[in-house]
Amino acid sequence: MTARLALDVLDLPPGGTVAVTGAVGAVGGYAVELARADGLMVIADAAPRDGETVRGFGADHVVGRGAGIAERIRTLVPEGVAGVVDGSAQTTELVPAISDGGTLVELRGWPGPAERGIRVCPVMVPDRIGDTAGLDTLCRQAEAGVLTPRVAQVLPAAEAARAHRLLEAGGLRGRVVLEFS
C-alpha cells in the first residue's frame, strides 16, 4: 500500500517517467512493478549484484545507487524526471534529478526543503490503512502476477523480536513473515 500511495501522490500520466530508489527492497520493488502496470517508464537504482533482480521487477533502466545518482538519472533523462519514489532515504542526493516543479515522494519522513518548485511529499501507509478497496485491488494484482510477493525469511511467531531486528538491520530482499500456525 505504501508503494501504491507513493505513485498516487505522484499522479504521473501513462508514458511519464518515475525514478525509484531502494528498488530491490520490498516497497521499492512494488513501486517498480506498480509503476510499470500504470504505464510509466521506470528508472531504478540498484547495487551491481541486484541489477538483474530490479530489471526483473520491470525497471526500464537501472542506475548505480549512491553518490552521483542524480547525474546518472539525468544522463538518461536530461530534463529530469517528473517524480521520484525515494525508498532508500537519498533525499538531497535526488533533488537534482527531478525536473522543475516535479515531486519527491519521501517514505522516511524527510520534509524537504527542495528548490525549483519541487514538492516534497512524505507519505506513510497509515494514511491509507483503511482503504479496503485499494487493498483488494493490490490483492487482485498479486493474484494476477502484477505484484510479486517476496519473502526473505519465515519465522515462528515466537521469534517476532528477531524479525524486528532483521527489519531494523536492513538489507533484506523481501519481507519477514511470522508464522502463527
N, C-alpha and C. Protein backbone atom coordinates (compact mmCIF):
# COMPACT_ATOMS: atom_id res chain seq x y z
N MET A 1 0.83 -1.20 0.00
CA MET A 1 0.00 0.00 0.00
C MET A 1 0.87 1.26 0.00
N THR A 2 2.04 1.21 0.64
CA THR A 2 2.92 2.37 0.64
C THR A 2 3.36 2.71 -0.79
N ALA A 3 3.72 1.69 -1.56
CA ALA A 3 4.12 1.91 -2.95
C ALA A 3 2.97 2.49 -3.76
N ARG A 4 1.77 1.97 -3.57
CA ARG A 4 0.61 2.48 -4.30
C ARG A 4 0.35 3.93 -3.93
N LEU A 5 0.40 4.23 -2.64
CA LEU A 5 0.18 5.59 -2.17
C LEU A 5 1.21 6.54 -2.77
N ALA A 6 2.48 6.13 -2.80
CA ALA A 6 3.53 6.97 -3.37
C ALA A 6 3.24 7.31 -4.83
N LEU A 7 2.87 6.30 -5.60
CA LEU A 7 2.57 6.54 -7.02
C LEU A 7 1.32 7.38 -7.20
N ASP A 8 0.33 7.19 -6.33
CA ASP A 8 -0.87 8.01 -6.41
C ASP A 8 -0.57 9.47 -6.12
N VAL A 9 0.32 9.73 -5.16
CA VAL A 9 0.72 11.10 -4.86
C VAL A 9 1.42 11.73 -6.06
N LEU A 10 2.27 10.96 -6.74
CA LEU A 10 2.96 11.48 -7.93
C LEU A 10 1.97 11.80 -9.04
N ASP A 11 0.98 10.93 -9.23
CA ASP A 11 -0.08 11.15 -10.23
C ASP A 11 0.50 11.44 -11.61
N LEU A 12 1.47 10.61 -12.03
CA LEU A 12 2.08 10.79 -13.36
C LEU A 12 1.20 10.14 -14.43
N PRO A 13 1.13 10.76 -15.60
CA PRO A 13 0.32 10.18 -16.68
C PRO A 13 1.04 8.98 -17.29
N PRO A 14 0.30 8.04 -17.87
CA PRO A 14 0.95 6.93 -18.59
C PRO A 14 1.96 7.50 -19.58
N GLY A 15 3.11 6.85 -19.65
CA GLY A 15 4.19 7.33 -20.51
C GLY A 15 5.16 8.24 -19.78
N GLY A 16 4.78 8.69 -18.58
CA GLY A 16 5.67 9.53 -17.78
C GLY A 16 6.82 8.70 -17.23
N THR A 17 7.77 9.39 -16.64
CA THR A 17 8.96 8.72 -16.11
C THR A 17 9.05 8.93 -14.61
N VAL A 18 9.29 7.84 -13.90
CA VAL A 18 9.48 7.87 -12.46
C VAL A 18 10.81 7.21 -12.14
N ALA A 19 11.50 7.75 -11.13
CA ALA A 19 12.69 7.10 -10.60
C ALA A 19 12.32 6.50 -9.25
N VAL A 20 12.84 5.31 -8.98
CA VAL A 20 12.56 4.61 -7.73
C VAL A 20 13.90 4.24 -7.10
N THR A 21 14.12 4.69 -5.87
CA THR A 21 15.31 4.27 -5.15
C THR A 21 14.94 3.18 -4.15
N GLY A 22 15.93 2.42 -3.75
CA GLY A 22 15.64 1.29 -2.88
C GLY A 22 14.84 0.24 -3.62
N ALA A 23 15.07 0.15 -4.92
CA ALA A 23 14.21 -0.67 -5.79
C ALA A 23 14.31 -2.16 -5.52
N VAL A 24 15.36 -2.63 -4.88
CA VAL A 24 15.45 -4.06 -4.58
C VAL A 24 14.72 -4.39 -3.28
N GLY A 25 14.38 -3.38 -2.49
CA GLY A 25 13.64 -3.59 -1.26
C GLY A 25 12.17 -3.86 -1.53
N ALA A 26 11.45 -4.19 -0.49
CA ALA A 26 10.04 -4.55 -0.65
C ALA A 26 9.23 -3.39 -1.24
N VAL A 27 9.25 -2.24 -0.60
CA VAL A 27 8.44 -1.12 -1.09
C VAL A 27 8.93 -0.66 -2.45
N GLY A 28 10.24 -0.54 -2.61
CA GLY A 28 10.80 -0.11 -3.89
C GLY A 28 10.46 -1.07 -5.01
N GLY A 29 10.58 -2.36 -4.74
CA GLY A 29 10.25 -3.36 -5.76
C GLY A 29 8.79 -3.30 -6.16
N TYR A 30 7.92 -3.13 -5.17
CA TYR A 30 6.50 -3.00 -5.50
C TYR A 30 6.23 -1.71 -6.27
N ALA A 31 6.95 -0.64 -5.93
CA ALA A 31 6.77 0.62 -6.66
C ALA A 31 7.15 0.44 -8.12
N VAL A 32 8.23 -0.30 -8.38
CA VAL A 32 8.63 -0.56 -9.76
C VAL A 32 7.53 -1.35 -10.47
N GLU A 33 7.05 -2.42 -9.86
CA GLU A 33 6.01 -3.24 -10.51
C GLU A 33 4.73 -2.45 -10.75
N LEU A 34 4.29 -1.69 -9.77
CA LEU A 34 3.06 -0.92 -9.92
C LEU A 34 3.22 0.21 -10.94
N ALA A 35 4.39 0.84 -10.96
CA ALA A 35 4.63 1.90 -11.95
C ALA A 35 4.57 1.34 -13.36
N ARG A 36 5.16 0.17 -13.57
CA ARG A 36 5.08 -0.48 -14.89
C ARG A 36 3.63 -0.78 -15.24
N ALA A 37 2.86 -1.28 -14.28
CA ALA A 37 1.45 -1.58 -14.52
C ALA A 37 0.67 -0.30 -14.83
N ASP A 38 1.13 0.83 -14.30
CA ASP A 38 0.49 2.13 -14.58
C ASP A 38 0.94 2.72 -15.92
N GLY A 39 1.83 2.03 -16.62
CA GLY A 39 2.30 2.51 -17.92
C GLY A 39 3.42 3.54 -17.85
N LEU A 40 4.14 3.57 -16.74
CA LEU A 40 5.24 4.52 -16.58
C LEU A 40 6.56 3.91 -17.01
N MET A 41 7.48 4.76 -17.46
CA MET A 41 8.85 4.33 -17.66
C MET A 41 9.53 4.43 -16.30
N VAL A 42 10.29 3.40 -15.93
CA VAL A 42 10.88 3.32 -14.60
C VAL A 42 12.40 3.30 -14.69
N ILE A 43 13.01 4.24 -13.95
CA ILE A 43 14.44 4.23 -13.72
C ILE A 43 14.63 3.86 -12.26
N ALA A 44 15.37 2.80 -11.99
CA ALA A 44 15.53 2.32 -10.63
C ALA A 44 17.00 2.24 -10.28
N ASP A 45 17.30 2.38 -9.00
CA ASP A 45 18.69 2.24 -8.57
C ASP A 45 18.91 0.86 -7.98
N ALA A 46 20.15 0.40 -8.08
CA ALA A 46 20.50 -0.89 -7.51
C ALA A 46 22.01 -1.03 -7.43
N ALA A 47 22.45 -1.81 -6.47
CA ALA A 47 23.84 -2.22 -6.41
C ALA A 47 24.07 -3.19 -7.58
N PRO A 48 25.30 -3.33 -8.05
CA PRO A 48 25.56 -4.22 -9.19
C PRO A 48 24.98 -5.63 -9.01
N ARG A 49 25.06 -6.18 -7.81
CA ARG A 49 24.57 -7.55 -7.58
C ARG A 49 23.04 -7.66 -7.68
N ASP A 50 22.34 -6.51 -7.60
CA ASP A 50 20.87 -6.52 -7.60
C ASP A 50 20.26 -6.03 -8.91
N GLY A 51 21.09 -5.66 -9.88
CA GLY A 51 20.58 -5.09 -11.12
C GLY A 51 19.61 -6.00 -11.86
N GLU A 52 19.94 -7.26 -12.00
CA GLU A 52 19.05 -8.19 -12.72
C GLU A 52 17.74 -8.39 -11.97
N THR A 53 17.80 -8.43 -10.64
CA THR A 53 16.57 -8.56 -9.85
C THR A 53 15.65 -7.38 -10.11
N VAL A 54 16.20 -6.18 -10.09
CA VAL A 54 15.40 -4.98 -10.30
C VAL A 54 14.86 -4.92 -11.73
N ARG A 55 15.66 -5.34 -12.70
CA ARG A 55 15.16 -5.42 -14.08
C ARG A 55 14.00 -6.42 -14.15
N GLY A 56 14.09 -7.50 -13.38
CA GLY A 56 13.02 -8.49 -13.34
C GLY A 56 11.72 -7.94 -12.78
N PHE A 57 11.80 -6.91 -11.95
CA PHE A 57 10.59 -6.25 -11.44
C PHE A 57 9.94 -5.39 -12.51
N GLY A 58 10.70 -5.08 -13.59
CA GLY A 58 10.14 -4.29 -14.67
C GLY A 58 10.81 -2.95 -14.91
N ALA A 59 11.92 -2.67 -14.23
CA ALA A 59 12.60 -1.39 -14.45
C ALA A 59 13.09 -1.31 -15.89
N ASP A 60 12.86 -0.17 -16.53
CA ASP A 60 13.36 0.05 -17.89
C ASP A 60 14.85 0.31 -17.89
N HIS A 61 15.31 1.02 -16.86
CA HIS A 61 16.73 1.37 -16.73
C HIS A 61 17.13 1.16 -15.27
N VAL A 62 18.34 0.68 -15.06
CA VAL A 62 18.88 0.54 -13.71
C VAL A 62 20.16 1.35 -13.64
N VAL A 63 20.24 2.22 -12.63
CA VAL A 63 21.43 3.03 -12.41
C VAL A 63 22.05 2.63 -11.07
N GLY A 64 23.34 2.88 -10.94
CA GLY A 64 24.01 2.59 -9.69
C GLY A 64 23.50 3.46 -8.57
N ARG A 65 23.40 2.89 -7.40
CA ARG A 65 22.89 3.64 -6.25
C ARG A 65 24.00 4.46 -5.61
N GLY A 66 23.63 5.40 -4.77
CA GLY A 66 24.61 6.17 -4.00
C GLY A 66 24.99 7.49 -4.64
N ALA A 67 26.11 8.03 -4.17
CA ALA A 67 26.58 9.34 -4.62
C ALA A 67 26.61 9.41 -6.14
N GLY A 68 26.13 10.51 -6.67
CA GLY A 68 26.10 10.71 -8.12
C GLY A 68 24.86 10.16 -8.80
N ILE A 69 23.89 9.71 -8.02
CA ILE A 69 22.68 9.12 -8.63
C ILE A 69 21.95 10.13 -9.50
N ALA A 70 21.90 11.39 -9.08
CA ALA A 70 21.18 12.40 -9.88
C ALA A 70 21.80 12.54 -11.26
N GLU A 71 23.11 12.54 -11.33
CA GLU A 71 23.79 12.66 -12.63
C GLU A 71 23.50 11.44 -13.50
N ARG A 72 23.47 10.27 -12.89
CA ARG A 72 23.18 9.06 -13.67
C ARG A 72 21.74 9.07 -14.20
N ILE A 73 20.82 9.59 -13.42
CA ILE A 73 19.43 9.71 -13.89
C ILE A 73 19.34 10.75 -14.99
N ARG A 74 20.01 11.88 -14.81
CA ARG A 74 19.96 12.95 -15.81
C ARG A 74 20.64 12.52 -17.12
N THR A 75 21.55 11.58 -17.07
CA THR A 75 22.14 11.05 -18.30
C THR A 75 21.07 10.37 -19.14
N LEU A 76 20.12 9.70 -18.48
CA LEU A 76 19.03 9.02 -19.17
C LEU A 76 17.91 9.98 -19.54
N VAL A 77 17.62 10.93 -18.67
CA VAL A 77 16.53 11.89 -18.87
C VAL A 77 17.11 13.28 -18.59
N PRO A 78 17.71 13.90 -19.60
CA PRO A 78 18.41 15.18 -19.38
C PRO A 78 17.56 16.27 -18.75
N GLU A 79 16.26 16.28 -19.03
CA GLU A 79 15.38 17.31 -18.45
C GLU A 79 14.96 16.99 -17.02
N GLY A 80 15.33 15.81 -16.54
CA GLY A 80 14.96 15.38 -15.19
C GLY A 80 13.66 14.60 -15.19
N VAL A 81 13.47 13.82 -14.16
CA VAL A 81 12.24 13.03 -14.03
C VAL A 81 11.18 13.85 -13.31
N ALA A 82 9.94 13.59 -13.64
CA ALA A 82 8.84 14.32 -13.02
C ALA A 82 8.60 13.88 -11.58
N GLY A 83 8.94 12.64 -11.29
CA GLY A 83 8.69 12.13 -9.95
C GLY A 83 9.70 11.11 -9.51
N VAL A 84 9.92 11.08 -8.19
CA VAL A 84 10.81 10.11 -7.58
C VAL A 84 10.10 9.50 -6.38
N VAL A 85 10.17 8.17 -6.26
CA VAL A 85 9.77 7.46 -5.05
C VAL A 85 11.08 7.10 -4.36
N ASP A 86 11.36 7.75 -3.24
CA ASP A 86 12.63 7.57 -2.54
C ASP A 86 12.50 6.51 -1.45
N GLY A 87 12.77 5.28 -1.83
CA GLY A 87 12.68 4.18 -0.88
C GLY A 87 13.95 3.95 -0.09
N SER A 88 15.00 4.74 -0.35
CA SER A 88 16.27 4.49 0.33
C SER A 88 16.85 5.73 1.01
N ALA A 89 16.00 6.72 1.26
CA ALA A 89 16.39 7.92 2.00
C ALA A 89 17.62 8.62 1.41
N GLN A 90 17.61 8.81 0.09
CA GLN A 90 18.70 9.54 -0.55
C GLN A 90 18.40 11.02 -0.68
N THR A 91 17.22 11.43 -0.37
CA THR A 91 16.72 12.80 -0.26
C THR A 91 17.50 13.83 -1.07
N THR A 92 18.41 14.56 -0.43
CA THR A 92 19.08 15.68 -1.09
C THR A 92 19.90 15.25 -2.30
N GLU A 93 20.37 14.00 -2.32
CA GLU A 93 21.10 13.49 -3.49
C GLU A 93 20.19 13.42 -4.71
N LEU A 94 18.87 13.23 -4.48
CA LEU A 94 17.92 13.02 -5.57
C LEU A 94 17.35 14.31 -6.15
N VAL A 95 17.30 15.36 -5.36
CA VAL A 95 16.65 16.59 -5.81
C VAL A 95 17.16 17.05 -7.17
N PRO A 96 18.47 17.03 -7.44
CA PRO A 96 18.93 17.48 -8.76
C PRO A 96 18.44 16.61 -9.93
N ALA A 97 17.97 15.40 -9.66
CA ALA A 97 17.47 14.52 -10.73
C ALA A 97 16.04 14.86 -11.14
N ILE A 98 15.37 15.70 -10.35
CA ILE A 98 13.95 15.99 -10.56
C ILE A 98 13.80 17.26 -11.40
N SER A 99 12.88 17.20 -12.36
CA SER A 99 12.61 18.36 -13.19
C SER A 99 11.97 19.47 -12.37
N ASP A 100 12.09 20.70 -12.86
CA ASP A 100 11.46 21.83 -12.19
C ASP A 100 9.97 21.54 -12.01
N GLY A 101 9.48 21.77 -10.78
CA GLY A 101 8.07 21.55 -10.50
C GLY A 101 7.71 20.10 -10.27
N GLY A 102 8.68 19.20 -10.27
CA GLY A 102 8.42 17.78 -10.05
C GLY A 102 8.16 17.46 -8.59
N THR A 103 8.08 16.17 -8.29
CA THR A 103 7.72 15.73 -6.94
C THR A 103 8.65 14.64 -6.45
N LEU A 104 9.07 14.76 -5.20
CA LEU A 104 9.82 13.73 -4.49
C LEU A 104 8.92 13.16 -3.42
N VAL A 105 8.58 11.88 -3.55
CA VAL A 105 7.81 11.20 -2.51
C VAL A 105 8.81 10.55 -1.58
N GLU A 106 8.77 10.97 -0.33
CA GLU A 106 9.72 10.53 0.68
C GLU A 106 9.03 9.55 1.63
N LEU A 107 9.61 8.37 1.77
CA LEU A 107 8.99 7.31 2.57
C LEU A 107 9.50 7.27 4.00
N ARG A 108 10.48 8.08 4.31
CA ARG A 108 11.05 8.06 5.66
C ARG A 108 10.80 9.36 6.41
N GLY A 109 9.94 10.21 5.87
CA GLY A 109 9.51 11.39 6.60
C GLY A 109 10.30 12.66 6.39
N TRP A 110 11.28 12.67 5.49
CA TRP A 110 12.05 13.90 5.24
C TRP A 110 11.12 14.94 4.62
N PRO A 111 10.98 16.13 5.20
CA PRO A 111 10.04 17.11 4.70
C PRO A 111 10.62 18.09 3.68
N GLY A 112 11.88 17.98 3.37
CA GLY A 112 12.49 18.93 2.44
C GLY A 112 13.41 19.85 3.21
N PRO A 113 13.70 21.01 2.69
CA PRO A 113 13.14 21.65 1.52
C PRO A 113 13.84 21.25 0.22
N ALA A 114 13.22 21.58 -0.86
CA ALA A 114 13.80 21.41 -2.19
C ALA A 114 13.62 22.73 -2.93
N GLU A 115 14.39 22.91 -3.98
CA GLU A 115 14.31 24.15 -4.75
C GLU A 115 13.60 23.91 -6.07
N ARG A 116 13.53 24.93 -6.91
CA ARG A 116 12.98 24.88 -8.26
C ARG A 116 11.52 24.42 -8.31
N GLY A 117 10.77 24.74 -7.25
CA GLY A 117 9.35 24.38 -7.24
C GLY A 117 9.09 22.90 -7.03
N ILE A 118 10.09 22.14 -6.62
CA ILE A 118 9.93 20.70 -6.38
C ILE A 118 9.18 20.50 -5.07
N ARG A 119 8.13 19.69 -5.15
CA ARG A 119 7.35 19.35 -3.95
C ARG A 119 7.98 18.14 -3.29
N VAL A 120 8.07 18.17 -1.96
CA VAL A 120 8.49 17.00 -1.19
C VAL A 120 7.27 16.53 -0.43
N CYS A 121 6.86 15.29 -0.68
CA CYS A 121 5.65 14.75 -0.08
C CYS A 121 5.97 13.50 0.75
N PRO A 122 6.12 13.66 2.06
CA PRO A 122 6.30 12.47 2.89
C PRO A 122 4.99 11.68 2.93
N VAL A 123 5.08 10.37 2.75
CA VAL A 123 3.89 9.52 2.83
C VAL A 123 4.16 8.36 3.78
N MET A 124 3.11 7.93 4.41
CA MET A 124 3.17 6.79 5.33
C MET A 124 1.91 5.94 5.10
N VAL A 125 2.06 4.64 5.19
CA VAL A 125 0.95 3.73 4.91
C VAL A 125 -0.26 3.98 5.81
N PRO A 126 -0.11 4.44 7.07
CA PRO A 126 -1.33 4.70 7.85
C PRO A 126 -2.28 5.69 7.19
N ASP A 127 -1.76 6.49 6.24
CA ASP A 127 -2.64 7.41 5.52
C ASP A 127 -3.72 6.67 4.74
N ARG A 128 -3.50 5.38 4.41
CA ARG A 128 -4.47 4.62 3.62
C ARG A 128 -4.79 3.26 4.25
N ILE A 129 -4.51 3.10 5.52
CA ILE A 129 -4.67 1.80 6.16
C ILE A 129 -6.11 1.29 6.10
N GLY A 130 -7.07 2.19 6.04
CA GLY A 130 -8.47 1.78 5.97
C GLY A 130 -9.01 1.66 4.56
N ASP A 131 -8.15 1.74 3.57
CA ASP A 131 -8.57 1.70 2.17
C ASP A 131 -8.77 0.24 1.73
N THR A 132 -9.89 -0.33 2.11
CA THR A 132 -10.13 -1.75 1.79
C THR A 132 -10.25 -1.99 0.29
N ALA A 133 -10.81 -1.04 -0.45
CA ALA A 133 -10.90 -1.21 -1.91
C ALA A 133 -9.49 -1.23 -2.51
N GLY A 134 -8.61 -0.35 -2.04
CA GLY A 134 -7.24 -0.33 -2.53
C GLY A 134 -6.50 -1.60 -2.18
N LEU A 135 -6.69 -2.09 -0.96
CA LEU A 135 -6.06 -3.34 -0.55
C LEU A 135 -6.58 -4.52 -1.38
N ASP A 136 -7.86 -4.49 -1.68
CA ASP A 136 -8.45 -5.54 -2.51
C ASP A 136 -7.85 -5.51 -3.92
N THR A 137 -7.67 -4.31 -4.46
CA THR A 137 -7.04 -4.18 -5.78
C THR A 137 -5.62 -4.74 -5.76
N LEU A 138 -4.85 -4.41 -4.72
CA LEU A 138 -3.49 -4.94 -4.60
C LEU A 138 -3.50 -6.46 -4.50
N CYS A 139 -4.46 -7.00 -3.78
CA CYS A 139 -4.59 -8.46 -3.67
C CYS A 139 -4.84 -9.08 -5.04
N ARG A 140 -5.75 -8.48 -5.81
CA ARG A 140 -6.03 -9.00 -7.16
C ARG A 140 -4.80 -8.87 -8.06
N GLN A 141 -4.04 -7.78 -7.89
CA GLN A 141 -2.82 -7.63 -8.69
C GLN A 141 -1.78 -8.69 -8.32
N ALA A 142 -1.71 -9.04 -7.07
CA ALA A 142 -0.79 -10.12 -6.66
C ALA A 142 -1.26 -11.45 -7.24
N GLU A 143 -2.55 -11.70 -7.20
CA GLU A 143 -3.09 -12.94 -7.77
C GLU A 143 -2.85 -13.02 -9.28
N ALA A 144 -2.87 -11.86 -9.94
CA ALA A 144 -2.68 -11.82 -11.39
C ALA A 144 -1.21 -11.79 -11.80
N GLY A 145 -0.30 -11.70 -10.83
CA GLY A 145 1.12 -11.68 -11.12
C GLY A 145 1.68 -10.30 -11.42
N VAL A 146 0.86 -9.26 -11.27
CA VAL A 146 1.35 -7.89 -11.45
C VAL A 146 2.32 -7.55 -10.31
N LEU A 147 1.98 -7.98 -9.12
CA LEU A 147 2.84 -7.83 -7.94
C LEU A 147 3.39 -9.19 -7.57
N THR A 148 4.65 -9.21 -7.22
CA THR A 148 5.31 -10.46 -6.86
C THR A 148 5.65 -10.44 -5.37
N PRO A 149 4.90 -11.17 -4.56
CA PRO A 149 5.25 -11.22 -3.13
C PRO A 149 6.65 -11.83 -2.96
N ARG A 150 7.48 -11.17 -2.17
CA ARG A 150 8.84 -11.64 -1.94
C ARG A 150 9.04 -11.87 -0.44
N VAL A 151 9.42 -13.07 -0.11
CA VAL A 151 9.63 -13.44 1.29
C VAL A 151 11.12 -13.70 1.51
N ALA A 152 11.69 -12.95 2.44
CA ALA A 152 13.11 -13.13 2.76
C ALA A 152 13.30 -14.29 3.73
N GLN A 153 12.38 -14.38 4.70
CA GLN A 153 12.53 -15.40 5.72
C GLN A 153 11.19 -15.62 6.41
N VAL A 154 10.91 -16.88 6.78
CA VAL A 154 9.72 -17.22 7.55
C VAL A 154 10.19 -17.64 8.94
N LEU A 155 9.61 -17.00 9.95
CA LEU A 155 9.99 -17.29 11.33
C LEU A 155 8.74 -17.66 12.13
N PRO A 156 8.90 -18.50 13.16
CA PRO A 156 7.75 -18.75 14.04
C PRO A 156 7.40 -17.47 14.80
N ALA A 157 6.14 -17.31 15.13
CA ALA A 157 5.66 -16.10 15.80
C ALA A 157 6.44 -15.81 17.08
N ALA A 158 6.91 -16.84 17.74
CA ALA A 158 7.67 -16.65 18.97
C ALA A 158 8.98 -15.90 18.73
N GLU A 159 9.41 -15.79 17.48
CA GLU A 159 10.65 -15.08 17.15
C GLU A 159 10.38 -13.69 16.56
N ALA A 160 9.26 -13.09 16.97
CA ALA A 160 8.90 -11.76 16.46
C ALA A 160 9.98 -10.73 16.76
N ALA A 161 10.60 -10.80 17.93
CA ALA A 161 11.66 -9.84 18.26
C ALA A 161 12.82 -9.98 17.28
N ARG A 162 13.16 -11.19 16.90
CA ARG A 162 14.23 -11.41 15.91
C ARG A 162 13.82 -10.81 14.56
N ALA A 163 12.55 -10.98 14.20
CA ALA A 163 12.06 -10.43 12.93
C ALA A 163 12.24 -8.91 12.93
N HIS A 164 11.92 -8.25 14.03
CA HIS A 164 12.10 -6.80 14.12
C HIS A 164 13.57 -6.42 13.99
N ARG A 165 14.45 -7.18 14.61
CA ARG A 165 15.89 -6.88 14.49
C ARG A 165 16.36 -7.03 13.05
N LEU A 166 15.86 -8.05 12.35
CA LEU A 166 16.21 -8.22 10.93
C LEU A 166 15.74 -7.04 10.10
N LEU A 167 14.52 -6.59 10.34
CA LEU A 167 13.99 -5.44 9.61
C LEU A 167 14.79 -4.18 9.91
N GLU A 168 15.11 -3.96 11.16
CA GLU A 168 15.87 -2.77 11.55
C GLU A 168 17.27 -2.77 10.94
N ALA A 169 17.86 -3.94 10.81
CA ALA A 169 19.21 -4.04 10.25
C ALA A 169 19.23 -3.69 8.77
N GLY A 170 18.09 -3.87 8.08
CA GLY A 170 18.00 -3.56 6.65
C GLY A 170 18.71 -4.59 5.80
N GLY A 171 18.71 -4.34 4.50
CA GLY A 171 19.38 -5.23 3.57
C GLY A 171 18.62 -6.47 3.18
N LEU A 172 17.38 -6.61 3.64
CA LEU A 172 16.58 -7.78 3.29
C LEU A 172 16.12 -7.71 1.85
N ARG A 173 15.99 -8.84 1.22
CA ARG A 173 15.47 -8.92 -0.15
C ARG A 173 14.10 -9.56 -0.09
N GLY A 174 13.15 -8.85 0.52
CA GLY A 174 11.80 -9.34 0.72
C GLY A 174 11.37 -9.09 2.15
N ARG A 175 10.25 -9.64 2.51
CA ARG A 175 9.67 -9.42 3.84
C ARG A 175 9.91 -10.62 4.75
N VAL A 176 9.92 -10.32 6.03
CA VAL A 176 9.96 -11.38 7.03
C VAL A 176 8.51 -11.72 7.35
N VAL A 177 8.19 -13.01 7.31
CA VAL A 177 6.84 -13.47 7.58
C VAL A 177 6.84 -14.22 8.90
N LEU A 178 5.89 -13.88 9.76
CA LEU A 178 5.72 -14.61 11.01
C LEU A 178 4.64 -15.66 10.80
N GLU A 179 4.95 -16.88 11.18
CA GLU A 179 4.01 -17.98 11.02
C GLU A 179 3.33 -18.26 12.36
N PHE A 180 2.01 -18.26 12.35
CA PHE A 180 1.23 -18.46 13.56
C PHE A 180 0.58 -19.83 13.64
N SER A 181 0.76 -20.67 12.63
CA SER A 181 0.09 -21.97 12.65
C SER A 181 0.79 -22.96 13.55
